[in-house]
Amino acid sequence: MISVTAKKNTITSAKRHDTDSGSPEVQVSVITQRILALQDHFKANPKDHGSRRGLLLMVGQRNRLLRYLAQVDRDRYNALIQKLGLRK
């Protein structure tokens, strides 16, 4: 789980305008931070299969959002995956 301040920092770095909190870029950035936090959790708790299911659901949601963004605006998609360091 990420802290409130980390989530706010992620949103401010990814938002497209001042009141943006739900664009695909913001959603993907927040989900990516949550995935990274869970990866650290699994290093300490390898048998936590319930949380692993949640991780897989988040990865699927992120992939759907990225696929949508790639269809709508390829330039924004490329900028986002480069910024977050994701593979295509």
PDB file of N, CA and C in Angstrom:
ATOM      1  N   MET A   1       0.849  -1.172   0.000  1.00  0.00           N
ATOM      2  CA  MET A   1       0.000   0.000   0.000  1.00  0.00           C
ATOM      3  C   MET A   1       0.896   1.236   0.000  1.00  0.00           C
ATOM      4  N   ILE A   2       0.544   2.195  -0.836  1.00  0.00           N
ATOM      5  CA  ILE A   2       1.346   3.408  -0.912  1.00  0.00           C
ATOM      6  C   ILE A   2       0.741   4.466   0.006  1.00  0.00           C
ATOM      7  N   SER A   3       1.575   5.371   0.470  1.00  0.00           N
ATOM      8  CA  SER A   3       1.103   6.405   1.384  1.00  0.00           C
ATOM      9  C   SER A   3       0.345   7.487   0.620  1.00  0.00           C
ATOM     10  N   VAL A   4      -0.376   8.277   1.346  1.00  0.00           N
ATOM     11  CA  VAL A   4      -1.165   9.349   0.754  1.00  0.00           C
ATOM     12  C   VAL A   4      -0.264  10.374   0.070  1.00  0.00           C
ATOM     13  N   THR A   5       0.852  10.686   0.690  1.00  0.00           N
ATOM     14  CA  THR A   5       1.755  11.675   0.087  1.00  0.00           C
ATOM     15  C   THR A   5       2.403  11.135  -1.186  1.00  0.00           C
ATOM     16  N   ALA A   6       2.731   9.830  -1.188  1.00  0.00           N
ATOM     17  CA  ALA A   6       3.310   9.241  -2.399  1.00  0.00           C
ATOM     18  C   ALA A   6       2.296   9.238  -3.528  1.00  0.00           C
ATOM     19  N   LYS A   7       1.046   8.971  -3.199  1.00  0.00           N
ATOM     20  CA  LYS A   7      -0.013   8.987  -4.218  1.00  0.00           C
ATOM     21  C   LYS A   7      -0.222  10.395  -4.760  1.00  0.00           C
ATOM     22  N   LYS A   8      -0.217  11.395  -3.873  1.00  0.00           N
ATOM     23  CA  LYS A   8      -0.378  12.782  -4.319  1.00  0.00           C
ATOM     24  C   LYS A   8       0.782  13.204  -5.212  1.00  0.00           C
ATOM     25  N   ASN A   9       1.997  12.814  -4.853  1.00  0.00           N
ATOM     26  CA  ASN A   9       3.159  13.142  -5.683  1.00  0.00           C
ATOM     27  C   ASN A   9       3.065  12.483  -7.048  1.00  0.00           C
ATOM     28  N   THR A  10       2.584  11.257  -7.078  1.00  0.00           N
ATOM     29  CA  THR A  10       2.419  10.553  -8.345  1.00  0.00           C
ATOM     30  C   THR A  10       1.377  11.245  -9.206  1.00  0.00           C
ATOM     31  N   ILE A  11       0.278  11.663  -8.601  1.00  0.00           N
ATOM     32  CA  ILE A  11      -0.787  12.343  -9.347  1.00  0.00           C
ATOM     33  C   ILE A  11      -0.297  13.677  -9.882  1.00  0.00           C
ATOM     34  N   THR A  12       0.429  14.442  -9.055  1.00  0.00           N
ATOM     35  CA  THR A  12       0.896  15.748  -9.528  1.00  0.00           C
ATOM     36  C   THR A  12       1.926  15.614 -10.636  1.00  0.00           C
ATOM     37  N   SER A  13       2.700  14.540 -10.638  1.00  0.00           N
ATOM     38  CA  SER A  13       3.688  14.383 -11.700  1.00  0.00           C
ATOM     39  C   SER A  13       3.063  13.891 -13.002  1.00  0.00           C
ATOM     40  N   ALA A  14       1.877  13.255 -12.932  1.00  0.00           N
ATOM     41  CA  ALA A  14       1.276  12.667 -14.132  1.00  0.00           C
ATOM     42  C   ALA A  14       0.094  13.454 -14.683  1.00  0.00           C
ATOM     43  N   LYS A  15      -0.427  14.406 -13.928  1.00  0.00           N
ATOM     44  CA  LYS A  15      -1.652  15.073 -14.377  1.00  0.00           C
ATOM     45  C   LYS A  15      -1.402  15.973 -15.580  1.00  0.00           C
ATOM     46  N   ARG A  16      -2.447  16.116 -16.382  1.00  0.00           N
ATOM     47  CA  ARG A  16      -2.353  16.871 -17.621  1.00  0.00           C
ATOM     48  C   ARG A  16      -2.730  18.336 -17.409  1.00  0.00           C
ATOM     49  N   HIS A  17      -3.576  18.623 -16.415  1.00  0.00           N
ATOM     50  CA  HIS A  17      -3.956  19.992 -16.064  1.00  0.00           C
ATOM     51  C   HIS A  17      -4.199  20.055 -14.568  1.00  0.00           C
ATOM     52  N   ASP A  18      -4.509  21.225 -14.066  1.00  0.00           N
ATOM     53  CA  ASP A  18      -4.550  21.437 -12.605  1.00  0.00           C
ATOM     54  C   ASP A  18      -5.550  20.551 -11.872  1.00  0.00           C
ATOM     55  N   THR A  19      -6.717  20.312 -12.459  1.00  0.00           N
ATOM     56  CA  THR A  19      -7.746  19.555 -11.757  1.00  0.00           C
ATOM     57  C   THR A  19      -7.826  18.100 -12.202  1.00  0.00           C
ATOM     58  N   ASP A  20      -6.822  17.621 -12.900  1.00  0.00           N
ATOM     59  CA  ASP A  20      -6.834  16.268 -13.432  1.00  0.00           C
ATOM     60  C   ASP A  20      -6.524  15.254 -12.337  1.00  0.00           C
ATOM     61  N   SER A  21      -7.432  14.288 -12.178  1.00  0.00           N
ATOM     62  CA  SER A  21      -7.156  13.208 -11.240  1.00  0.00           C
ATOM     63  C   SER A  21      -7.617  11.865 -11.782  1.00  0.00           C
ATOM     64  N   GLY A  22      -8.113  11.814 -13.010  1.00  0.00           N
ATOM     65  CA  GLY A  22      -8.646  10.567 -13.519  1.00  0.00           C
ATOM     66  C   GLY A  22      -8.272  10.242 -14.947  1.00  0.00           C
ATOM     67  N   SER A  23      -7.348  10.976 -15.526  1.00  0.00           N
ATOM     68  CA  SER A  23      -6.942  10.669 -16.896  1.00  0.00           C
ATOM     69  C   SER A  23      -6.213   9.325 -16.915  1.00  0.00           C
ATOM     70  N   PRO A  24      -6.130   8.687 -18.064  1.00  0.00           N
ATOM     71  CA  PRO A  24      -5.430   7.395 -18.117  1.00  0.00           C
ATOM     72  C   PRO A  24      -3.983   7.483 -17.633  1.00  0.00           C
ATOM     73  N   GLU A  25      -3.325   8.602 -17.898  1.00  0.00           N
ATOM     74  CA  GLU A  25      -1.944   8.759 -17.452  1.00  0.00           C
ATOM     75  C   GLU A  25      -1.844   8.702 -15.931  1.00  0.00           C
ATOM     76  N   VAL A  26      -2.756   9.387 -15.253  1.00  0.00           N
ATOM     77  CA  VAL A  26      -2.758   9.405 -13.785  1.00  0.00           C
ATOM     78  C   VAL A  26      -3.083   8.019 -13.246  1.00  0.00           C
ATOM     79  N   GLN A  27      -4.096   7.383 -13.824  1.00  0.00           N
ATOM     80  CA  GLN A  27      -4.493   6.067 -13.342  1.00  0.00           C
ATOM     81  C   GLN A  27      -3.366   5.045 -13.512  1.00  0.00           C
ATOM     82  N   VAL A  28      -2.712   5.060 -14.660  1.00  0.00           N
ATOM     83  CA  VAL A  28      -1.619   4.117 -14.893  1.00  0.00           C
ATOM     84  C   VAL A  28      -0.468   4.391 -13.934  1.00  0.00           C
ATOM     85  N   SER A  29      -0.171   5.664 -13.678  1.00  0.00           N
ATOM     86  CA  SER A  29       0.923   6.005 -12.772  1.00  0.00           C
ATOM     87  C   SER A  29       0.643   5.522 -11.352  1.00  0.00           C
ATOM     88  N   VAL A  30      -0.578   5.709 -10.881  1.00  0.00           N
ATOM     89  CA  VAL A  30      -0.935   5.277  -9.524  1.00  0.00           C
ATOM     90  C   VAL A  30      -0.904   3.753  -9.428  1.00  0.00           C
ATOM     91  N   ILE A  31      -1.449   3.080 -10.432  1.00  0.00           N
ATOM     92  CA  ILE A  31      -1.447   1.616 -10.416  1.00  0.00           C
ATOM     93  C   ILE A  31      -0.015   1.088 -10.451  1.00  0.00           C
ATOM     94  N   THR A  32       0.851   1.741 -11.223  1.00  0.00           N
ATOM     95  CA  THR A  32       2.251   1.318 -11.292  1.00  0.00           C
ATOM     96  C   THR A  32       2.917   1.449  -9.931  1.00  0.00           C
ATOM     97  N   GLN A  33       2.655   2.531  -9.206  1.00  0.00           N
ATOM     98  CA  GLN A  33       3.224   2.687  -7.869  1.00  0.00           C
ATOM     99  C   GLN A  33       2.723   1.597  -6.922  1.00  0.00           C
ATOM    100  N   ARG A  34       1.434   1.249  -7.029  1.00  0.00           N
ATOM    101  CA  ARG A  34       0.886   0.193  -6.181  1.00  0.00           C
ATOM    102  C   ARG A  34       1.510  -1.152  -6.516  1.00  0.00           C
ATOM    103  N   ILE A  35       1.737  -1.408  -7.817  1.00  0.00           N
ATOM    104  CA  ILE A  35       2.365  -2.662  -8.232  1.00  0.00           C
ATOM    105  C   ILE A  35       3.784  -2.752  -7.690  1.00  0.00           C
ATOM    106  N   LEU A  36       4.524  -1.667  -7.766  1.00  0.00           N
ATOM    107  CA  LEU A  36       5.897  -1.665  -7.246  1.00  0.00           C
ATOM    108  C   LEU A  36       5.917  -1.922  -5.744  1.00  0.00           C
ATOM    109  N   ALA A  37       4.955  -1.343  -5.023  1.00  0.00           N
ATOM    110  CA  ALA A  37       4.885  -1.570  -3.576  1.00  0.00           C
ATOM    111  C   ALA A  37       4.565  -3.032  -3.276  1.00  0.00           C
ATOM    112  N   LEU A  38       3.685  -3.637  -4.064  1.00  0.00           N
ATOM    113  CA  LEU A  38       3.355  -5.048  -3.836  1.00  0.00           C
ATOM    114  C   LEU A  38       4.520  -5.963  -4.177  1.00  0.00           C
ATOM    115  N   GLN A  39       5.331  -5.600  -5.148  1.00  0.00           N
ATOM    116  CA  GLN A  39       6.487  -6.424  -5.467  1.00  0.00           C
ATOM    117  C   GLN A  39       7.441  -6.503  -4.280  1.00  0.00           C
ATOM    118  N   ASP A  40       7.615  -5.396  -3.581  1.00  0.00           N
ATOM    119  CA  ASP A  40       8.439  -5.422  -2.367  1.00  0.00           C
ATOM    120  C   ASP A  40       7.792  -6.296  -1.289  1.00  0.00           C
ATOM    121  N   HIS A  41       6.463  -6.246  -1.206  1.00  0.00           N
ATOM    122  CA  HIS A  41       5.743  -7.045  -0.229  1.00  0.00           C
ATOM    123  C   HIS A  41       5.951  -8.537  -0.488  1.00  0.00           C
ATOM    124  N   PHE A  42       5.980  -8.931  -1.753  1.00  0.00           N
ATOM    125  CA  PHE A  42       6.118 -10.352  -2.079  1.00  0.00           C
ATOM    126  C   PHE A  42       7.519 -10.884  -1.839  1.00  0.00           C
ATOM    127  N   LYS A  43       8.496 -10.018  -1.791  1.00  0.00           N
ATOM    128  CA  LYS A  43       9.845 -10.478  -1.446  1.00  0.00           C
ATOM    129  C   LYS A  43       9.883 -10.954   0.002  1.00  0.00           C
ATOM    130  N   ALA A  44       9.117 -10.287   0.856  1.00  0.00           N
ATOM    131  CA  ALA A  44       9.080 -10.673   2.264  1.00  0.00           C
ATOM    132  C   ALA A  44       8.014 -11.732   2.551  1.00  0.00           C
ATOM    133  N   ASN A  45       6.965 -11.801   1.714  1.00  0.00           N
ATOM    134  CA  ASN A  45       5.843 -12.716   1.944  1.00  0.00           C
ATOM    135  C   ASN A  45       5.530 -13.504   0.671  1.00  0.00           C
ATOM    136  N   PRO A  46       6.352 -14.481   0.346  1.00  0.00           N
ATOM    137  CA  PRO A  46       6.167 -15.182  -0.930  1.00  0.00           C
ATOM    138  C   PRO A  46       4.917 -16.052  -1.005  1.00  0.00           C
ATOM    139  N   LYS A  47       4.320 -16.402   0.128  1.00  0.00           N
ATOM    140  CA  LYS A  47       3.142 -17.283   0.110  1.00  0.00           C
ATOM    141  C   LYS A  47       1.827 -16.533   0.217  1.00  0.00           C
ATOM    142  N   ASP A  48       1.830 -15.241   0.048  1.00  0.00           N
ATOM    143  CA  ASP A  48       0.623 -14.424   0.142  1.00  0.00           C
ATOM    144  C   ASP A  48      -0.110 -14.455  -1.198  1.00  0.00           C
ATOM    145  N   HIS A  49      -0.891 -15.508  -1.412  1.00  0.00           N
ATOM    146  CA  HIS A  49      -1.535 -15.704  -2.701  1.00  0.00           C
ATOM    147  C   HIS A  49      -2.752 -14.807  -2.896  1.00  0.00           C
ATOM    148  N   GLY A  50      -3.385 -14.388  -1.836  1.00  0.00           N
ATOM    149  CA  GLY A  50      -4.510 -13.467  -1.965  1.00  0.00           C
ATOM    150  C   GLY A  50      -4.073 -12.125  -2.522  1.00  0.00           C
ATOM    151  N   SER A  51      -2.977 -11.622  -2.017  1.00  0.00           N
ATOM    152  CA  SER A  51      -2.443 -10.365  -2.531  1.00  0.00           C
ATOM    153  C   SER A  51      -1.885 -10.528  -3.940  1.00  0.00           C
ATOM    154  N   ARG A  52      -1.401 -11.719  -4.253  1.00  0.00           N
ATOM    155  CA  ARG A  52      -0.892 -11.975  -5.609  1.00  0.00           C
ATOM    156  C   ARG A  52      -2.021 -11.872  -6.631  1.00  0.00           C
ATOM    157  N   ARG A  53      -3.210 -12.334  -6.240  1.00  0.00           N
ATOM    158  CA  ARG A  53      -4.362 -12.206  -7.127  1.00  0.00           C
ATOM    159  C   ARG A  53      -4.685 -10.737  -7.356  1.00  0.00           C
ATOM    160  N   GLY A  54      -4.636  -9.944  -6.296  1.00  0.00           N
ATOM    161  CA  GLY A  54      -4.859  -8.505  -6.435  1.00  0.00           C
ATOM    162  C   GLY A  54      -3.829  -7.863  -7.339  1.00  0.00           C
ATOM    163  N   LEU A  55      -2.591  -8.313  -7.248  1.00  0.00           N
ATOM    164  CA  LEU A  55      -1.531  -7.809  -8.116  1.00  0.00           C
ATOM    165  C   LEU A  55      -1.844  -8.113  -9.580  1.00  0.00           C
ATOM    166  N   LEU A  56      -2.269  -9.331  -9.852  1.00  0.00           N
ATOM    167  CA  LEU A  56      -2.592  -9.704 -11.224  1.00  0.00           C
ATOM    168  C   LEU A  56      -3.767  -8.895 -11.767  1.00  0.00           C
ATOM    169  N   LEU A  57      -4.745  -8.606 -10.909  1.00  0.00           N
ATOM    170  CA  LEU A  57      -5.866  -7.767 -11.332  1.00  0.00           C
ATOM    171  C   LEU A  57      -5.399  -6.353 -11.658  1.00  0.00           C
ATOM    172  N   MET A  58      -4.481  -5.822 -10.853  1.00  0.00           N
ATOM    173  CA  MET A  58      -3.952  -4.478 -11.123  1.00  0.00           C
ATOM    174  C   MET A  58      -3.146  -4.443 -12.413  1.00  0.00           C
ATOM    175  N   VAL A  59      -2.358  -5.478 -12.659  1.00  0.00           N
ATOM    176  CA  VAL A  59      -1.578  -5.532 -13.895  1.00  0.00           C
ATOM    177  C   VAL A  59      -2.521  -5.570 -15.097  1.00  0.00           C
ATOM    178  N   GLY A  60      -3.603  -6.329 -14.998  1.00  0.00           N
ATOM    179  CA  GLY A  60      -4.583  -6.383 -16.080  1.00  0.00           C
ATOM    180  C   GLY A  60      -5.261  -5.046 -16.304  1.00  0.00           C
ATOM    181  N   GLN A  61      -5.608  -4.359 -15.222  1.00  0.00           N
ATOM    182  CA  GLN A  61      -6.234  -3.044 -15.338  1.00  0.00           C
ATOM    183  C   GLN A  61      -5.275  -2.056 -15.985  1.00  0.00           C
ATOM    184  N   ARG A  62      -4.008  -2.096 -15.596  1.00  0.00           N
ATOM    185  CA  ARG A  62      -3.020  -1.205 -16.189  1.00  0.00           C
ATOM    186  C   ARG A  62      -2.854  -1.489 -17.675  1.00  0.00           C
ATOM    187  N   ASN A  63      -2.845  -2.771 -18.047  1.00  0.00           N
ATOM    188  CA  ASN A  63      -2.732  -3.122 -19.458  1.00  0.00           C
ATOM    189  C   ASN A  63      -3.931  -2.626 -20.265  1.00  0.00           C
ATOM    190  N   ARG A  64      -5.128  -2.727 -19.692  1.00  0.00           N
ATOM    191  CA  ARG A  64      -6.319  -2.231 -20.399  1.00  0.00           C
ATOM    192  C   ARG A  64      -6.254  -0.726 -20.583  1.00  0.00           C
ATOM    193  N   LEU A  65      -5.828  -0.010 -19.551  1.00  0.00           N
ATOM    194  CA  LEU A  65      -5.705   1.444 -19.662  1.00  0.00           C
ATOM    195  C   LEU A  65      -4.640   1.833 -20.688  1.00  0.00           C
ATOM    196  N   LEU A  66      -3.528   1.112 -20.693  1.00  0.00           N
ATOM    197  CA  LEU A  66      -2.475   1.399 -21.672  1.00  0.00           C
ATOM    198  C   LEU A  66      -2.945   1.097 -23.094  1.00  0.00           C
ATOM    199  N   ARG A  67      -3.694   0.028 -23.274  1.00  0.00           N
ATOM    200  CA  ARG A  67      -4.219  -0.309 -24.592  1.00  0.00           C
ATOM    201  C   ARG A  67      -5.184   0.777 -25.075  1.00  0.00           C
ATOM    202  N   TYR A  68      -6.033   1.266 -24.170  1.00  0.00           N
ATOM    203  CA  TYR A  68      -6.950   2.352 -24.512  1.00  0.00           C
ATOM    204  C   TYR A  68      -6.172   3.598 -24.914  1.00  0.00           C
ATOM    205  N   LEU A  69      -5.174   3.955 -24.129  1.00  0.00           N
ATOM    206  CA  LEU A  69      -4.392   5.155 -24.416  1.00  0.00           C
ATOM    207  C   LEU A  69      -3.645   5.021 -25.743  1.00  0.00           C
ATOM    208  N   ALA A  70      -3.167   3.840 -26.049  1.00  0.00           N
ATOM    209  CA  ALA A  70      -2.465   3.621 -27.319  1.00  0.00           C
ATOM    210  C   ALA A  70      -3.409   3.794 -28.496  1.00  0.00           C
ATOM    211  N   GLN A  71      -4.663   3.402 -28.331  1.00  0.00           N
ATOM    212  CA  GLN A  71      -5.637   3.558 -29.405  1.00  0.00           C
ATOM    213  C   GLN A  71      -6.060   5.009 -29.577  1.00  0.00           C
ATOM    214  N   VAL A  72      -6.196   5.733 -28.479  1.00  0.00           N
ATOM    215  CA  VAL A  72      -6.693   7.110 -28.526  1.00  0.00           C
ATOM    216  C   VAL A  72      -5.608   8.079 -28.971  1.00  0.00           C
ATOM    217  N   ASP A  73      -4.441   8.007 -28.334  1.00  0.00           N
ATOM    218  CA  ASP A  73      -3.368   8.957 -28.642  1.00  0.00           C
ATOM    219  C   ASP A  73      -2.014   8.273 -28.452  1.00  0.00           C
ATOM    220  N   ARG A  74      -1.408   7.894 -29.550  1.00  0.00           N
ATOM    221  CA  ARG A  74      -0.158   7.129 -29.520  1.00  0.00           C
ATOM    222  C   ARG A  74       0.992   7.932 -28.919  1.00  0.00           C
ATOM    223  N   ASP A  75       1.017   9.253 -29.119  1.00  0.00           N
ATOM    224  CA  ASP A  75       2.102  10.071 -28.568  1.00  0.00           C
ATOM    225  C   ASP A  75       2.058  10.105 -27.043  1.00  0.00           C
ATOM    226  N   ARG A  76       0.875  10.268 -26.484  1.00  0.00           N
ATOM    227  CA  ARG A  76       0.729  10.254 -25.024  1.00  0.00           C
ATOM    228  C   ARG A  76       1.115   8.891 -24.466  1.00  0.00           C
ATOM    229  N   TYR A  77       0.738   7.833 -25.166  1.00  0.00           N
ATOM    230  CA  TYR A  77       1.083   6.470 -24.750  1.00  0.00           C
ATOM    231  C   TYR A  77       2.598   6.288 -24.712  1.00  0.00           C
ATOM    232  N   ASN A  78       3.266   6.686 -25.785  1.00  0.00           N
ATOM    233  CA  ASN A  78       4.724   6.535 -25.841  1.00  0.00           C
ATOM    234  C   ASN A  78       5.416   7.349 -24.761  1.00  0.00           C
ATOM    235  N   ALA A  79       4.929   8.568 -24.515  1.00  0.00           N
ATOM    236  CA  ALA A  79       5.519   9.407 -23.476  1.00  0.00           C
ATOM    237  C   ALA A  79       5.335   8.770 -22.099  1.00  0.00           C
ATOM    238  N   LEU A  80       4.171   8.188 -21.861  1.00  0.00           N
ATOM    239  CA  LEU A  80       3.888   7.596 -20.556  1.00  0.00           C
ATOM    240  C   LEU A  80       4.737   6.361 -20.299  1.00  0.00           C
ATOM    241  N   ILE A  81       4.831   5.464 -21.269  1.00  0.00           N
ATOM    242  CA  ILE A  81       5.612   4.246 -21.009  1.00  0.00           C
ATOM    243  C   ILE A  81       7.096   4.568 -20.892  1.00  0.00           C
ATOM    244  N   GLN A  82       7.534   5.601 -21.575  1.00  0.00           N
ATOM    245  CA  GLN A  82       8.937   6.001 -21.426  1.00  0.00           C
ATOM    246  C   GLN A  82       9.173   6.618 -20.060  1.00  0.00           C
ATOM    247  N   LYS A  83       8.226   7.442 -19.596  1.00  0.00           N
ATOM    248  CA  LYS A  83       8.359   8.094 -18.292  1.00  0.00           C
ATOM    249  C   LYS A  83       8.350   7.067 -17.150  1.00  0.00           C
ATOM    250  N   LEU A  84       7.474   6.080 -17.259  1.00  0.00           N
ATOM    251  CA  LEU A  84       7.350   5.075 -16.193  1.00  0.00           C
ATOM    252  C   LEU A  84       8.327   3.925 -16.334  1.00  0.00           C
ATOM    253  N   GLY A  85       8.991   3.838 -17.474  1.00  0.00           N
ATOM    254  CA  GLY A  85       9.942   2.755 -17.687  1.00  0.00           C
ATOM    255  C   GLY A  85       9.281   1.418 -17.926  1.00  0.00           C
ATOM    256  N   LEU A  86       8.127   1.421 -18.576  1.00  0.00           N
ATOM    257  CA  LEU A  86       7.409   0.188 -18.872  1.00  0.00           C
ATOM    258  C   LEU A  86       7.796  -0.340 -20.240  1.00  0.00           C
ATOM    259  N   ARG A  87       7.631  -1.642 -20.410  1.00  0.00           N
ATOM    260  CA  ARG A  87       7.852  -2.241 -21.726  1.00  0.00           C
ATOM    261  C   ARG A  87       6.573  -2.143 -22.533  1.00  0.00           C
ATOM    262  N   LYS A  88       6.702  -2.254 -23.835  1.00  0.00           N
ATOM    263  CA  LYS A  88       5.496  -2.236 -24.668  1.00  0.00           C
ATOM    264  C   LYS A  88       4.761  -3.538 -24.557  1.00  0.00           C
TER     265      LYS A  88
END
